[in-house]
């Protein structure tokens, strides 16, 4: 009886129905990964632009300040 259930489950897993579902899941995962990557790049570029716009608080060595 156990062998019959294994054969039936193998038949179900080998049906053509599951192949498009795998493809759809992989395509959706790729789009999700791309969306997260674009969000990360956009966030980094936004942060970099804010750093450029902010005034630079540079540490000046006192010896260098006296020489200038």
N, C-alpha and C. Protein backbone atom coordinates (compact mmCIF):
# COMPACT_ATOMS: atom_id res chain seq x y z
N UNK A 1 0.82 -1.20 0.00
CA UNK A 1 0.00 0.00 0.00
C UNK A 1 0.87 1.27 0.00
N UNK A 2 1.93 1.22 0.72
CA UNK A 2 2.83 2.38 0.79
C UNK A 2 3.45 2.69 -0.58
N UNK A 3 3.79 1.67 -1.33
CA UNK A 3 4.39 1.85 -2.65
C UNK A 3 3.43 2.55 -3.59
N UNK A 4 2.16 2.27 -3.49
CA UNK A 4 1.16 2.92 -4.34
C UNK A 4 1.10 4.42 -4.08
N UNK A 5 1.15 4.80 -2.84
CA UNK A 5 1.07 6.23 -2.54
C UNK A 5 2.32 6.95 -3.03
N UNK A 6 3.47 6.31 -2.95
CA UNK A 6 4.69 6.93 -3.47
C UNK A 6 4.61 7.12 -4.98
N UNK A 7 4.10 6.12 -5.67
CA UNK A 7 3.97 6.23 -7.12
C UNK A 7 3.00 7.33 -7.50
N UNK A 8 1.91 7.44 -6.78
CA UNK A 8 0.95 8.50 -7.07
C UNK A 8 1.54 9.88 -6.83
N UNK A 9 2.31 10.04 -5.75
CA UNK A 9 2.90 11.35 -5.48
C UNK A 9 3.97 11.69 -6.52
N UNK A 10 4.68 10.68 -7.03
CA UNK A 10 5.66 10.94 -8.09
C UNK A 10 4.96 11.37 -9.37
N UNK A 11 3.82 10.77 -9.67
CA UNK A 11 3.07 11.17 -10.86
C UNK A 11 2.61 12.61 -10.75
N UNK A 12 2.17 12.99 -9.59
CA UNK A 12 1.68 14.36 -9.39
C UNK A 12 2.83 15.35 -9.52
N UNK A 13 3.98 15.03 -8.97
CA UNK A 13 5.10 15.97 -9.01
C UNK A 13 5.70 16.10 -10.41
N UNK A 14 5.48 15.11 -11.27
CA UNK A 14 6.04 15.16 -12.62
C UNK A 14 5.07 15.73 -13.65
N UNK A 15 3.91 16.15 -13.21
CA UNK A 15 2.95 16.71 -14.17
C UNK A 15 3.49 18.01 -14.76
N UNK A 16 3.03 18.33 -15.93
CA UNK A 16 3.47 19.56 -16.60
C UNK A 16 2.95 20.82 -15.91
N UNK A 17 1.98 20.68 -15.06
CA UNK A 17 1.41 21.83 -14.36
C UNK A 17 2.45 22.52 -13.48
N UNK A 18 3.35 21.76 -12.91
CA UNK A 18 4.28 22.33 -11.96
C UNK A 18 5.42 23.09 -12.63
N UNK A 19 5.74 22.79 -13.86
CA UNK A 19 6.83 23.49 -14.53
C UNK A 19 6.53 24.98 -14.74
N UNK A 20 5.35 25.36 -15.22
CA UNK A 20 5.07 26.81 -15.34
C UNK A 20 5.05 27.50 -13.98
N UNK A 21 4.60 26.80 -12.95
CA UNK A 21 4.56 27.41 -11.63
C UNK A 21 5.98 27.71 -11.13
N UNK A 22 6.90 26.80 -11.38
CA UNK A 22 8.30 27.04 -11.01
C UNK A 22 8.84 28.26 -11.74
N UNK A 23 8.55 28.33 -13.02
CA UNK A 23 9.03 29.45 -13.83
C UNK A 23 8.46 30.77 -13.33
N UNK A 24 7.17 30.76 -13.05
CA UNK A 24 6.52 31.99 -12.57
C UNK A 24 7.13 32.41 -11.25
N UNK A 25 7.35 31.46 -10.34
CA UNK A 25 7.95 31.79 -9.05
C UNK A 25 9.36 32.33 -9.21
N UNK A 26 10.12 31.75 -10.11
CA UNK A 26 11.49 32.23 -10.30
C UNK A 26 11.51 33.62 -10.93
N UNK A 27 10.61 33.87 -11.86
CA UNK A 27 10.53 35.20 -12.48
C UNK A 27 10.11 36.24 -11.45
N UNK A 28 9.12 35.91 -10.62
CA UNK A 28 8.70 36.84 -9.57
C UNK A 28 9.83 37.09 -8.57
N UNK A 29 10.58 36.07 -8.24
CA UNK A 29 11.71 36.24 -7.33
C UNK A 29 12.77 37.14 -7.95
N UNK A 30 13.01 36.98 -9.24
CA UNK A 30 13.99 37.83 -9.92
C UNK A 30 13.54 39.28 -9.92
N UNK A 31 12.26 39.53 -10.17
CA UNK A 31 11.73 40.90 -10.13
C UNK A 31 11.83 41.49 -8.73
N UNK A 32 11.54 40.68 -7.73
CA UNK A 32 11.64 41.16 -6.35
C UNK A 32 13.08 41.51 -6.01
N UNK A 33 14.01 40.68 -6.44
CA UNK A 33 15.43 40.95 -6.19
C UNK A 33 15.88 42.22 -6.91
N UNK A 34 15.42 42.41 -8.14
CA UNK A 34 15.76 43.64 -8.86
C UNK A 34 15.18 44.87 -8.17
N UNK A 35 13.96 44.76 -7.68
CA UNK A 35 13.34 45.89 -6.98
C UNK A 35 14.13 46.26 -5.73
N UNK A 36 14.54 45.27 -4.98
CA UNK A 36 15.32 45.54 -3.76
C UNK A 36 16.68 46.13 -4.12
N UNK A 37 17.29 45.64 -5.20
CA UNK A 37 18.59 46.17 -5.62
C UNK A 37 18.46 47.63 -6.05
N UNK A 38 17.43 47.95 -6.83
CA UNK A 38 17.24 49.34 -7.25
C UNK A 38 16.96 50.24 -6.06
N UNK A 39 16.20 49.74 -5.09
CA UNK A 39 15.92 50.53 -3.90
C UNK A 39 17.21 50.80 -3.13
N UNK A 40 18.07 49.82 -3.04
CA UNK A 40 19.33 49.99 -2.32
C UNK A 40 20.23 50.99 -3.03
N UNK A 41 20.32 50.89 -4.35
CA UNK A 41 21.15 51.83 -5.12
C UNK A 41 20.59 53.24 -5.00
N UNK A 42 19.27 53.38 -5.11
CA UNK A 42 18.65 54.70 -4.97
C UNK A 42 18.86 55.29 -3.60
N UNK A 43 18.78 54.47 -2.59
CA UNK A 43 19.01 54.94 -1.22
C UNK A 43 20.45 55.40 -1.04
N UNK A 44 21.39 54.62 -1.57
CA UNK A 44 22.79 55.00 -1.46
C UNK A 44 23.07 56.30 -2.20
N UNK A 45 22.53 56.44 -3.41
CA UNK A 45 22.77 57.66 -4.18
C UNK A 45 22.16 58.87 -3.49
N UNK A 46 20.99 58.70 -2.89
CA UNK A 46 20.36 59.78 -2.15
C UNK A 46 21.23 60.20 -0.97
N UNK A 47 21.76 59.20 -0.26
CA UNK A 47 22.64 59.48 0.88
C UNK A 47 23.90 60.21 0.42
N UNK A 48 24.47 59.76 -0.68
CA UNK A 48 25.69 60.38 -1.20
C UNK A 48 25.44 61.83 -1.61
N UNK A 49 24.28 62.08 -2.19
CA UNK A 49 23.95 63.45 -2.60
C UNK A 49 23.78 64.35 -1.37
N UNK A 50 23.15 63.82 -0.33
CA UNK A 50 23.01 64.61 0.89
C UNK A 50 24.37 64.90 1.51
N UNK A 51 25.32 63.97 1.39
CA UNK A 51 26.66 64.20 1.93
C UNK A 51 27.36 65.30 1.15
N UNK A 52 27.14 65.36 -0.16
CA UNK A 52 27.76 66.41 -0.98
C UNK A 52 27.17 67.77 -0.68
N UNK A 53 25.87 67.82 -0.37
CA UNK A 53 25.20 69.10 -0.11
C UNK A 53 25.53 69.66 1.27
N UNK A 54 25.87 68.80 2.19
CA UNK A 54 26.16 69.24 3.56
C UNK A 54 27.53 69.91 3.61
N UNK A 55 27.65 70.92 4.47
CA UNK A 55 28.97 71.56 4.59
C UNK A 55 29.96 70.57 5.22
N UNK A 56 31.17 70.65 4.76
CA UNK A 56 32.20 69.71 5.24
C UNK A 56 32.78 70.23 6.54
N UNK A 57 32.71 69.41 7.56
CA UNK A 57 33.35 69.73 8.84
C UNK A 57 34.67 68.96 8.88
N UNK A 58 35.68 69.56 8.33
CA UNK A 58 36.98 68.88 8.25
C UNK A 58 37.77 69.16 9.52
N UNK A 59 38.43 68.14 9.97
CA UNK A 59 39.32 68.31 11.11
C UNK A 59 40.63 68.92 10.60
N UNK A 60 40.99 70.02 11.20
CA UNK A 60 42.23 70.68 10.79
C UNK A 60 43.23 70.54 11.93
N UNK A 61 44.36 70.05 11.59
CA UNK A 61 45.43 69.92 12.58
C UNK A 61 45.88 71.33 12.96
N UNK A 62 46.15 71.56 14.25
CA UNK A 62 46.53 72.92 14.70
C UNK A 62 47.84 73.37 14.05
N UNK A 63 48.76 72.45 13.82
CA UNK A 63 50.03 72.84 13.19
C UNK A 63 49.79 73.27 11.74
N UNK A 64 48.93 72.58 11.05
CA UNK A 64 48.63 72.94 9.67
C UNK A 64 47.90 74.28 9.62
N UNK A 65 47.04 74.52 10.62
CA UNK A 65 46.28 75.78 10.66
C UNK A 65 47.23 76.96 10.87
N UNK A 66 48.23 76.79 11.72
CA UNK A 66 49.20 77.86 11.97
C UNK A 66 50.07 78.12 10.75
N UNK A 67 50.41 77.05 10.02
CA UNK A 67 51.23 77.23 8.83
C UNK A 67 50.49 77.95 7.71
N UNK A 68 49.19 77.77 7.64
CA UNK A 68 48.39 78.41 6.59
C UNK A 68 48.18 79.82 6.99
